[in-house]
Amino acid sequence: MVMNIASLASSLKAQEIRLAVGTRLAGMAKDVMEEQGADLLKLIESAKQMELSVNPHLGSLLDVEA
């Protein structure tokens, strides 16, 4: 009986550690994705600015998206 309780406690602790590591990794992945999204938005904005510098009349009358 004591051996079963000890092995159960060990198993539960191992699961707790796996859950903590998984949660931490998911949080890190979320942070990286947020940074990449922000960088992508900056890139898109800079591309818009570059396009407007080459074609300043673009979008001055009507923008139509398909």
N, C-alpha and C. Protein backbone atom coordinates (compact mmCIF):
# COMPACT_ATOMS: atom_id res chain seq x y z
N MET A 1 0.82 -1.19 0.00
CA MET A 1 0.00 0.00 0.00
C MET A 1 0.86 1.26 0.00
N VAL A 2 1.92 1.27 0.83
CA VAL A 2 2.81 2.43 0.90
C VAL A 2 3.49 2.65 -0.45
N MET A 3 3.87 1.56 -1.11
CA MET A 3 4.54 1.68 -2.39
C MET A 3 3.60 2.30 -3.43
N ASN A 4 2.33 1.93 -3.40
CA ASN A 4 1.37 2.49 -4.34
C ASN A 4 1.16 3.98 -4.10
N ILE A 5 1.09 4.38 -2.85
CA ILE A 5 0.91 5.80 -2.53
C ILE A 5 2.14 6.59 -2.96
N ALA A 6 3.32 6.03 -2.74
CA ALA A 6 4.55 6.71 -3.14
C ALA A 6 4.64 6.84 -4.65
N SER A 7 4.29 5.78 -5.36
CA SER A 7 4.35 5.84 -6.82
C SER A 7 3.27 6.78 -7.36
N LEU A 8 2.11 6.81 -6.72
CA LEU A 8 1.06 7.74 -7.13
C LEU A 8 1.50 9.18 -6.92
N ALA A 9 2.10 9.47 -5.79
CA ALA A 9 2.58 10.83 -5.51
C ALA A 9 3.65 11.23 -6.51
N SER A 10 4.55 10.31 -6.83
CA SER A 10 5.60 10.58 -7.81
C SER A 10 5.01 10.84 -9.19
N SER A 11 4.03 10.04 -9.55
CA SER A 11 3.37 10.20 -10.85
C SER A 11 2.63 11.54 -10.93
N LEU A 12 1.96 11.90 -9.86
CA LEU A 12 1.24 13.18 -9.85
C LEU A 12 2.20 14.36 -9.94
N LYS A 13 3.33 14.26 -9.27
CA LYS A 13 4.33 15.33 -9.31
C LYS A 13 4.91 15.45 -10.72
N ALA A 14 5.15 14.32 -11.36
CA ALA A 14 5.67 14.33 -12.73
C ALA A 14 4.66 14.98 -13.68
N GLN A 15 3.39 14.67 -13.52
CA GLN A 15 2.35 15.29 -14.33
C GLN A 15 2.28 16.79 -14.09
N GLU A 16 2.42 17.18 -12.83
CA GLU A 16 2.40 18.61 -12.49
C GLU A 16 3.55 19.34 -13.18
N ILE A 17 4.72 18.72 -13.18
CA ILE A 17 5.89 19.33 -13.82
C ILE A 17 5.68 19.41 -15.33
N ARG A 18 5.17 18.34 -15.94
CA ARG A 18 4.90 18.36 -17.38
C ARG A 18 3.89 19.45 -17.74
N LEU A 19 2.88 19.60 -16.93
CA LEU A 19 1.87 20.64 -17.17
C LEU A 19 2.48 22.03 -17.05
N ALA A 20 3.32 22.23 -16.05
CA ALA A 20 3.96 23.53 -15.86
C ALA A 20 4.88 23.86 -17.04
N VAL A 21 5.64 22.87 -17.49
CA VAL A 21 6.54 23.08 -18.63
C VAL A 21 5.73 23.37 -19.89
N GLY A 22 4.68 22.61 -20.12
CA GLY A 22 3.82 22.83 -21.29
C GLY A 22 3.18 24.20 -21.28
N THR A 23 2.73 24.63 -20.12
CA THR A 23 2.12 25.95 -19.99
C THR A 23 3.13 27.04 -20.27
N ARG A 24 4.32 26.87 -19.76
CA ARG A 24 5.40 27.86 -19.98
C ARG A 24 5.78 27.93 -21.46
N LEU A 25 5.89 26.77 -22.10
CA LEU A 25 6.22 26.75 -23.53
C LEU A 25 5.12 27.39 -24.36
N ALA A 26 3.88 27.13 -24.02
CA ALA A 26 2.76 27.75 -24.74
C ALA A 26 2.79 29.26 -24.57
N GLY A 27 3.12 29.73 -23.37
CA GLY A 27 3.23 31.17 -23.14
C GLY A 27 4.35 31.79 -23.95
N MET A 28 5.49 31.08 -24.02
CA MET A 28 6.61 31.58 -24.80
C MET A 28 6.26 31.62 -26.29
N ALA A 29 5.58 30.60 -26.78
CA ALA A 29 5.16 30.56 -28.18
C ALA A 29 4.19 31.70 -28.47
N LYS A 30 3.29 31.98 -27.55
CA LYS A 30 2.34 33.08 -27.71
C LYS A 30 3.07 34.41 -27.79
N ASP A 31 4.06 34.60 -26.94
CA ASP A 31 4.84 35.84 -26.95
C ASP A 31 5.57 36.03 -28.28
N VAL A 32 6.16 34.95 -28.78
CA VAL A 32 6.87 35.02 -30.06
C VAL A 32 5.90 35.35 -31.18
N MET A 33 4.73 34.72 -31.17
CA MET A 33 3.73 34.99 -32.22
C MET A 33 3.25 36.43 -32.16
N GLU A 34 3.09 36.98 -30.97
CA GLU A 34 2.68 38.38 -30.84
C GLU A 34 3.75 39.32 -31.39
N GLU A 35 5.01 39.02 -31.10
CA GLU A 35 6.11 39.83 -31.62
C GLU A 35 6.16 39.75 -33.15
N GLN A 36 6.00 38.55 -33.68
CA GLN A 36 6.03 38.39 -35.13
C GLN A 36 4.85 39.11 -35.79
N GLY A 37 3.70 39.07 -35.15
CA GLY A 37 2.54 39.79 -35.67
C GLY A 37 2.76 41.29 -35.69
N ALA A 38 3.35 41.81 -34.62
CA ALA A 38 3.64 43.25 -34.56
C ALA A 38 4.66 43.63 -35.63
N ASP A 39 5.68 42.78 -35.82
CA ASP A 39 6.68 43.05 -36.86
C ASP A 39 6.05 43.00 -38.25
N LEU A 40 5.13 42.07 -38.45
CA LEU A 40 4.45 41.97 -39.74
C LEU A 40 3.62 43.21 -40.01
N LEU A 41 2.94 43.70 -39.00
CA LEU A 41 2.16 44.93 -39.18
C LEU A 41 3.06 46.12 -39.53
N LYS A 42 4.22 46.19 -38.89
CA LYS A 42 5.18 47.25 -39.22
C LYS A 42 5.65 47.12 -40.66
N LEU A 43 5.91 45.89 -41.10
CA LEU A 43 6.36 45.65 -42.46
C LEU A 43 5.28 46.06 -43.47
N ILE A 44 4.04 45.70 -43.18
CA ILE A 44 2.94 46.07 -44.08
C ILE A 44 2.79 47.57 -44.14
N GLU A 45 2.89 48.24 -43.00
CA GLU A 45 2.77 49.70 -42.97
C GLU A 45 3.91 50.35 -43.76
N SER A 46 5.12 49.83 -43.62
CA SER A 46 6.25 50.41 -44.36
C SER A 46 6.08 50.17 -45.86
N ALA A 47 5.50 49.03 -46.25
CA ALA A 47 5.24 48.78 -47.66
C ALA A 47 4.20 49.75 -48.20
N LYS A 48 3.19 50.06 -47.39
CA LYS A 48 2.18 51.05 -47.80
C LYS A 48 2.83 52.41 -48.00
N GLN A 49 3.69 52.80 -47.07
CA GLN A 49 4.36 54.09 -47.17
C GLN A 49 5.24 54.15 -48.41
N MET A 50 5.95 53.04 -48.70
CA MET A 50 6.80 53.01 -49.88
C MET A 50 5.95 53.13 -51.14
N GLU A 51 4.85 52.43 -51.19
CA GLU A 51 3.97 52.49 -52.36
C GLU A 51 3.43 53.90 -52.55
N LEU A 52 3.06 54.55 -51.46
CA LEU A 52 2.55 55.92 -51.57
C LEU A 52 3.63 56.90 -52.01
N SER A 53 4.88 56.64 -51.66
CA SER A 53 5.95 57.53 -52.10
C SER A 53 6.20 57.39 -53.59
N VAL A 54 5.97 56.19 -54.13
CA VAL A 54 6.16 55.96 -55.57
C VAL A 54 4.92 56.39 -56.34
N ASN A 55 3.75 56.11 -55.80
CA ASN A 55 2.48 56.45 -56.45
C ASN A 55 1.63 57.27 -55.47
N PRO A 56 1.91 58.56 -55.34
CA PRO A 56 1.19 59.36 -54.34
C PRO A 56 -0.31 59.50 -54.62
N HIS A 57 -0.69 59.32 -55.87
CA HIS A 57 -2.12 59.44 -56.22
C HIS A 57 -2.92 58.19 -55.85
N LEU A 58 -2.24 57.09 -55.56
CA LEU A 58 -2.91 55.84 -55.26
C LEU A 58 -3.79 55.96 -54.04
N GLY A 59 -5.04 55.63 -54.19
CA GLY A 59 -5.98 55.67 -53.08
C GLY A 59 -6.59 57.03 -52.81
N SER A 60 -6.25 58.00 -53.63
CA SER A 60 -6.78 59.34 -53.37
C SER A 60 -8.22 59.47 -53.82
N LEU A 61 -8.64 58.65 -54.75
CA LEU A 61 -10.02 58.75 -55.23
C LEU A 61 -10.89 57.60 -54.72
N LEU A 62 -10.45 56.37 -54.97
CA LEU A 62 -11.28 55.23 -54.62
C LEU A 62 -10.42 53.99 -54.50
N ASP A 63 -10.57 53.28 -53.45
CA ASP A 63 -9.90 52.00 -53.29
C ASP A 63 -10.95 50.92 -53.35
N VAL A 64 -10.72 49.93 -54.20
CA VAL A 64 -11.65 48.82 -54.34
C VAL A 64 -10.89 47.54 -54.06
N GLU A 65 -11.43 46.72 -53.17
CA GLU A 65 -10.81 45.42 -52.88
C GLU A 65 -11.68 44.32 -53.43
N ALA A 66 -11.06 43.30 -53.94
CA ALA A 66 -11.80 42.17 -54.50
C ALA A 66 -12.28 41.26 -53.40
